[in-house]
């Protein structure tokens, strides 16, 4: 008997194929997102740890304005011959500051005013020379013999005038929570740079109150923050057991960190020799107060404060060892 061909009827499942395809597509999207997250996380982390500044001149040189080529720092002879004082624009305990002119460009000339503080002045010069970067005001020249420093001029001045600047009609468009947060990020970036600088871990000692902190930084014309005054920047070296003390007088108030205050109570008179030293975590304690100033009271700033609440609470830990590093604070700010 002839066998008839036996046909097997295949059942196609039109509904299952799209389901499998959809699952594969979803898995691919999730995998892509995971890779993207890891890449961006690595990218932003590297921004915080590596200073890639291709436009920075080699040591001993500077670029100014729209000029593309680097020039050597101006010498004593060049400063005396080419720089013309215009007017005094400020004076502190260590130096007097003059708005000046060099080759038809505005510059800043700083001169020592108190010979007893010449070591502070020279320390500031050493810091300025060794820390040149996007975080630090640009050095144009100096003359150690005459205790003179020449730096770039920033017409918007110090951060003390930030709120007034943002109320000028020309800059009102900058008065947003996002722009203010960017300034806070710049500030924390400077602190992070000082704590991991080429010269070691440095502490910003001229910071006993908010006004003093703000006076140490300049607002650039493109709305960034650079540190300007580096006269009081001692070095922490834990491996050598070297900590710091910011001055020789008693510090008071809630703005300074707890470890900077006299620990033995009102009944024991302050003695500098008995005052315990401390480290760079004093700078971390002050970050929330400075950032609060930056954020101001514009629309949206309270939402930013809410998102930063946990990291700011960590900055205010009484035990310095429990506070985050400047890098950790910066990473949190950048994730907002």
Protein backbone atom coordinates (compact mmCIF):
# COMPACT_ATOMS: atom_id res chain seq x y z
CA UNK A 1 0.00 0.00 0.00
CA UNK A 2 1.35 3.31 -1.01
CA UNK A 3 1.97 5.54 1.89
CA UNK A 4 0.59 8.97 1.60
CA UNK A 5 2.87 11.78 2.50
CA UNK A 6 2.31 12.84 6.06
CA UNK A 7 2.25 16.56 6.40
CA UNK A 8 2.85 18.02 9.77
CA UNK A 9 1.00 21.21 10.27
CA UNK A 10 3.17 23.79 11.99
CA UNK A 11 1.43 26.20 14.25
CA UNK A 12 2.89 29.68 14.03
CA UNK A 13 2.48 31.81 17.06
CA UNK A 14 2.16 35.27 15.69
CA UNK A 15 1.70 36.75 19.14
CA UNK A 16 4.81 35.21 20.72
CA UNK A 17 7.34 36.44 18.16
CA UNK A 18 6.62 40.12 18.76
CA UNK A 19 6.72 39.46 22.51
CA UNK A 20 10.19 37.92 22.25
CA UNK A 21 11.37 40.76 20.01
CA UNK A 22 10.00 43.30 22.45
CA UNK A 23 11.79 41.60 25.34
CA UNK A 24 15.08 41.57 23.42
CA UNK A 25 14.64 45.21 22.46
CA UNK A 26 13.91 46.15 26.07
CA UNK A 27 16.97 44.23 27.26
CA UNK A 28 19.12 46.01 24.66
CA UNK A 29 17.82 49.42 25.76
CA UNK A 30 18.49 48.61 29.42
CA UNK A 31 21.98 47.40 28.58
CA UNK A 32 22.67 50.53 26.54
CA UNK A 33 21.46 52.71 29.41
CA UNK A 34 23.72 50.82 31.81
CA UNK A 35 26.75 51.38 29.56
CA UNK A 36 25.79 55.04 29.13
CA UNK A 37 25.45 55.48 32.90
CA UNK A 38 28.86 53.90 33.53
CA UNK A 39 30.44 56.02 30.81
CA UNK A 40 28.96 59.30 32.07
CA UNK A 41 29.79 58.41 35.66
CA UNK A 42 33.40 57.76 34.67
CA UNK A 43 33.45 60.91 32.56
CA UNK A 44 32.19 63.22 35.31
CA UNK A 45 34.39 61.55 37.90
CA UNK A 46 37.41 62.14 35.70
CA UNK A 47 36.41 65.79 35.40
CA UNK A 48 36.71 66.06 39.15
CA UNK A 49 40.05 64.28 39.44
CA UNK A 50 42.07 65.29 36.41
CA UNK A 51 42.70 68.85 35.44
CA UNK A 52 42.91 68.85 31.67
CA UNK A 53 43.66 72.40 30.70
CA UNK A 54 45.14 72.37 27.21
CA UNK A 55 45.05 76.18 27.05
CA UNK A 56 47.20 76.60 30.15
CA UNK A 57 50.66 78.02 29.53
CA UNK A 58 53.80 76.26 30.79
CA UNK A 59 55.18 77.30 34.16
CA UNK A 60 56.52 80.86 34.15
CA UNK A 61 54.28 82.02 31.29
CA UNK A 62 50.80 83.46 30.77
CA UNK A 63 48.22 84.21 28.10
CA UNK A 64 46.21 87.38 28.32
CA UNK A 65 42.97 88.44 26.66
CA UNK A 66 42.57 87.28 23.06
CA UNK A 67 46.32 86.71 22.61
CA UNK A 68 47.01 83.08 21.62
CA UNK A 69 50.72 82.93 22.39
CA UNK A 70 52.17 82.54 25.88
CA UNK A 71 54.47 85.25 27.26
CA UNK A 72 56.97 85.01 30.14
CA UNK A 73 55.91 86.46 33.48
CA UNK A 74 56.84 90.12 33.62
CA UNK A 75 60.08 90.86 35.47
CA UNK A 76 60.86 93.69 37.90
CA UNK A 77 62.26 95.75 35.04
CA UNK A 78 59.24 95.16 32.81
CA UNK A 79 56.76 95.98 35.60
CA UNK A 80 58.57 99.21 36.48
CA UNK A 81 58.81 100.24 32.83
CA UNK A 82 55.49 99.10 31.36
CA UNK A 83 52.90 99.09 34.15
CA UNK A 84 51.15 102.32 35.13
CA UNK A 85 49.11 102.68 38.33
CA UNK A 86 45.66 104.20 37.89
CA UNK A 87 44.05 104.16 41.34
CA UNK A 88 43.98 102.28 44.64
CA UNK A 89 41.03 99.87 44.73
CA UNK A 90 41.65 98.07 48.01
CA UNK A 91 43.87 97.59 51.01
CA UNK A 92 44.20 94.75 53.51
CA UNK A 93 46.48 93.81 56.37
CA UNK A 94 49.18 92.55 54.01
CA UNK A 95 48.97 94.51 50.77
CA UNK A 96 47.52 97.46 48.89
CA UNK A 97 45.85 96.82 45.53
CA UNK A 98 45.99 99.18 42.54
CA UNK A 99 44.00 99.12 39.34
CA UNK A 100 46.74 99.55 36.75
CA UNK A 101 47.38 99.49 33.02
CA UNK A 102 49.75 97.40 30.93
CA UNK A 103 49.83 97.73 27.14
CA UNK A 104 46.39 99.39 27.19
CA UNK A 105 44.92 96.52 29.23
CA UNK A 106 43.62 96.77 32.78
CA UNK A 107 45.64 94.75 35.31
CA UNK A 108 45.97 94.57 39.10
CA UNK A 109 49.16 95.55 40.92
CA UNK A 110 49.50 94.39 44.55
CA UNK A 111 52.19 95.81 46.83
CA UNK A 112 53.21 94.91 50.38
CA UNK A 113 52.16 97.54 52.93
CA UNK A 114 53.39 96.02 56.20
CA UNK A 115 57.00 94.84 56.26
CA UNK A 116 56.25 92.66 59.29
CA UNK A 117 53.99 90.56 57.07
CA UNK A 118 56.41 90.09 54.19
CA UNK A 119 56.55 86.32 54.81
CA UNK A 120 52.77 86.15 54.32
CA UNK A 121 53.13 88.16 51.12
CA UNK A 122 55.89 85.91 49.76
CA UNK A 123 53.94 82.80 50.77
CA UNK A 124 51.00 84.11 48.75
CA UNK A 125 53.30 84.66 45.78
CA UNK A 126 54.68 81.11 46.03
CA UNK A 127 51.15 79.72 46.13
CA UNK A 128 50.12 81.87 43.17
CA UNK A 129 53.08 80.64 41.12
CA UNK A 130 52.63 76.99 42.03
CA UNK A 131 48.85 76.78 41.68
CA UNK A 132 48.25 78.43 38.31
CA UNK A 133 45.14 76.80 36.82
CA UNK A 134 41.59 77.66 35.80
CA UNK A 135 40.73 77.84 39.52
CA UNK A 136 43.27 80.57 40.37
CA UNK A 137 43.59 84.18 39.26
CA UNK A 138 46.11 84.50 36.43
CA UNK A 139 49.60 85.64 37.42
CA UNK A 140 51.16 88.09 34.93
CA UNK A 141 54.40 88.91 36.71
CA UNK A 142 56.07 89.73 40.01
CA UNK A 143 59.06 91.41 41.64
CA UNK A 144 60.21 89.85 44.90
CA UNK A 145 62.73 92.61 45.62
CA UNK A 146 59.97 95.23 45.56
CA UNK A 147 57.26 92.94 46.97
CA UNK A 148 55.04 93.45 43.93
CA UNK A 149 52.62 91.07 42.20
CA UNK A 150 50.82 91.65 38.89
CA UNK A 151 47.61 89.72 38.16
CA UNK A 152 44.67 89.73 35.77
CA UNK A 153 41.90 92.27 36.37
CA UNK A 154 38.31 91.09 36.84
CA UNK A 155 35.94 94.09 36.67
CA UNK A 156 33.08 92.33 38.50
CA UNK A 157 35.24 92.22 41.62
CA UNK A 158 35.00 89.88 44.58
CA UNK A 159 32.08 87.61 45.41
CA UNK A 160 30.98 90.02 48.12
CA UNK A 161 29.28 92.02 45.38
CA UNK A 162 27.57 89.05 43.70
CA UNK A 163 23.98 89.95 44.63
CA UNK A 164 24.46 93.57 43.60
CA UNK A 165 25.96 92.44 40.28
CA UNK A 166 23.02 90.12 39.59
CA UNK A 167 20.60 93.02 40.06
CA UNK A 168 22.29 95.09 37.35
CA UNK A 169 19.97 95.02 34.28
CA UNK A 170 22.78 93.62 32.12
CA UNK A 171 23.12 90.55 34.35
CA UNK A 172 19.55 89.98 35.56
CA UNK A 173 19.21 87.08 33.15
CA UNK A 174 21.98 85.34 35.10
CA UNK A 175 20.02 85.52 38.36
CA UNK A 176 18.62 81.97 38.18
CA UNK A 177 18.96 78.95 40.45
CA UNK A 178 20.93 77.13 37.74
CA UNK A 179 23.52 79.87 37.29
CA UNK A 180 23.84 80.29 41.04
CA UNK A 181 24.33 76.55 41.45
CA UNK A 182 27.08 76.69 38.81
CA UNK A 183 28.87 79.31 40.91
CA UNK A 184 28.58 77.07 43.98
CA UNK A 185 30.04 74.22 41.91
CA UNK A 186 32.93 76.50 40.91
CA UNK A 187 33.55 77.34 44.56
CA UNK A 188 33.59 73.69 45.65
CA UNK A 189 35.84 72.92 42.66
CA UNK A 190 38.36 75.43 44.00
CA UNK A 191 38.25 73.82 47.45
CA UNK A 192 38.69 70.38 45.89
CA UNK A 193 41.64 71.69 43.86
CA UNK A 194 43.32 73.15 46.95
CA UNK A 195 42.83 69.90 48.87
CA UNK A 196 44.50 67.88 46.10
CA UNK A 197 46.80 70.52 44.64
CA UNK A 198 50.24 70.02 43.05
CA UNK A 199 51.68 71.51 46.25
CA UNK A 200 49.80 69.14 48.57
CA UNK A 201 46.71 69.45 50.76
CA UNK A 202 46.14 73.16 51.42
CA UNK A 203 43.69 74.75 53.87
CA UNK A 204 41.91 78.04 53.14
CA UNK A 205 42.63 79.80 56.42
CA UNK A 206 41.36 83.29 55.53
CA UNK A 207 37.80 82.09 56.09
CA UNK A 208 36.67 82.94 59.62
CA UNK A 209 33.36 84.44 58.47
CA UNK A 210 31.28 84.52 55.31
CA UNK A 211 32.33 88.02 54.30
CA UNK A 212 36.00 87.08 54.61
CA UNK A 213 35.50 83.96 52.49
CA UNK A 214 33.74 85.90 49.74
CA UNK A 215 36.50 88.50 49.66
CA UNK A 216 39.05 85.81 48.74
CA UNK A 217 37.36 84.98 45.42
CA UNK A 218 36.71 86.89 42.21
CA UNK A 219 33.78 86.73 39.81
CA UNK A 220 34.98 86.56 36.21
CA UNK A 221 33.25 88.32 33.32
CA UNK A 222 31.92 84.98 32.04
CA UNK A 223 30.50 84.20 35.50
CA UNK A 224 32.98 81.77 36.95
CA UNK A 225 34.77 81.80 40.29
CA UNK A 226 38.55 82.01 40.79
CA UNK A 227 40.46 82.22 44.05
CA UNK A 228 42.47 85.41 44.37
CA UNK A 229 44.04 85.69 47.83
CA UNK A 230 46.42 82.87 48.77
CA UNK A 231 48.37 84.53 51.59
CA UNK A 232 47.02 82.16 54.27
CA UNK A 233 47.18 78.69 52.76
CA UNK A 234 49.02 76.29 55.10
CA UNK A 235 49.90 72.71 54.18
CA UNK A 236 48.49 69.56 55.78
CA UNK A 237 50.74 66.49 55.66
CA UNK A 238 49.16 63.58 57.51
CA UNK A 239 51.97 61.12 56.77
CA UNK A 240 54.39 63.50 58.49
CA UNK A 241 51.90 64.27 61.27
CA UNK A 242 51.61 67.86 60.14
CA UNK A 243 48.32 69.64 60.83
CA UNK A 244 47.52 73.37 60.83
CA UNK A 245 46.16 76.21 62.92
CA UNK A 246 44.64 79.26 61.25
CA UNK A 247 46.38 82.08 63.09
CA UNK A 248 47.34 82.43 66.72
CA UNK A 249 44.19 84.03 68.09
CA UNK A 250 41.02 82.47 69.43
CA UNK A 251 38.32 81.88 66.81
CA UNK A 252 34.65 82.18 67.75
CA UNK A 253 31.26 81.80 66.10
CA UNK A 254 29.26 79.11 64.35
CA UNK A 255 30.82 79.78 60.95
CA UNK A 256 34.20 78.30 61.88
CA UNK A 257 34.39 74.54 62.39
CA UNK A 258 34.04 73.13 65.95
CA UNK A 259 37.67 71.98 65.99
CA UNK A 260 38.78 75.56 65.30
CA UNK A 261 37.18 76.80 68.53
CA UNK A 262 38.79 76.77 71.96
CA UNK A 263 37.90 73.33 73.40
CA UNK A 264 38.52 73.95 77.11
CA UNK A 265 35.62 76.22 78.01
CA UNK A 266 35.27 79.79 79.20
CA UNK A 267 36.99 79.11 82.52
CA UNK A 268 40.32 78.34 80.84
CA UNK A 269 42.00 81.35 79.19
CA UNK A 270 42.96 80.85 75.54
CA UNK A 271 46.57 79.85 74.92
CA UNK A 272 47.78 79.23 71.40
CA UNK A 273 50.22 76.53 72.56
CA UNK A 274 47.33 74.52 74.03
CA UNK A 275 45.08 74.86 70.99
CA UNK A 276 44.92 71.54 69.07
CA UNK A 277 45.69 71.69 65.33
CA UNK A 278 43.31 70.47 62.63
CA UNK A 279 43.13 69.59 58.94
CA UNK A 280 41.38 70.56 55.69
CA UNK A 281 37.97 69.35 56.90
CA UNK A 282 37.47 72.84 58.35
CA UNK A 283 36.87 73.97 54.76
CA UNK A 284 34.20 71.28 54.34
CA UNK A 285 32.28 72.55 57.39
CA UNK A 286 31.91 75.96 55.73
CA UNK A 287 30.67 74.77 52.33
CA UNK A 288 26.92 74.72 53.20
CA UNK A 289 27.00 78.32 54.47
CA UNK A 290 28.89 79.59 51.42
CA UNK A 291 26.64 77.63 49.05
CA UNK A 292 23.57 79.02 50.80
CA UNK A 293 24.83 82.49 49.92
CA UNK A 294 25.37 81.47 46.30
CA UNK A 295 21.87 80.00 45.94
CA UNK A 296 20.22 83.15 47.25
CA UNK A 297 16.44 83.39 47.27
CA UNK A 298 15.53 83.06 43.60
CA UNK A 299 12.80 80.79 42.29
CA UNK A 300 13.91 77.16 42.47
CA UNK A 301 16.74 77.70 44.97
CA UNK A 302 14.81 76.00 47.79
CA UNK A 303 14.43 72.88 45.63
CA UNK A 304 18.20 72.84 45.16
CA UNK A 305 18.71 73.17 48.92
CA UNK A 306 16.37 70.24 49.47
CA UNK A 307 18.37 68.05 47.08
CA UNK A 308 21.63 69.06 48.77
CA UNK A 309 20.29 68.62 52.30
CA UNK A 310 21.95 65.26 53.01
CA UNK A 311 25.42 66.22 51.75
CA UNK A 312 25.24 69.53 53.63
CA UNK A 313 24.20 67.71 56.81
CA UNK A 314 27.25 65.47 56.36
CA UNK A 315 29.46 68.56 55.96
CA UNK A 316 28.24 69.75 59.37
CA UNK A 317 29.22 66.58 61.25
CA UNK A 318 30.96 67.54 64.48
CA UNK A 319 33.63 64.89 63.97
CA UNK A 320 35.84 66.06 61.06
CA UNK A 321 36.58 62.45 60.07
CA UNK A 322 32.87 61.89 59.37
CA UNK A 323 32.61 64.79 56.93
CA UNK A 324 32.83 64.07 53.20
CA UNK A 325 35.80 65.06 51.09
CA UNK A 326 35.57 68.05 48.78
CA UNK A 327 35.51 65.59 45.87
CA UNK A 328 32.45 63.84 47.31
CA UNK A 329 30.66 67.16 47.78
CA UNK A 330 31.55 68.16 44.23
CA UNK A 331 30.28 64.86 42.82
CA UNK A 332 26.96 65.36 44.62
CA UNK A 333 26.60 68.92 43.33
CA UNK A 334 27.30 67.81 39.77
CA UNK A 335 24.69 65.05 39.93
CA UNK A 336 21.90 67.54 40.59
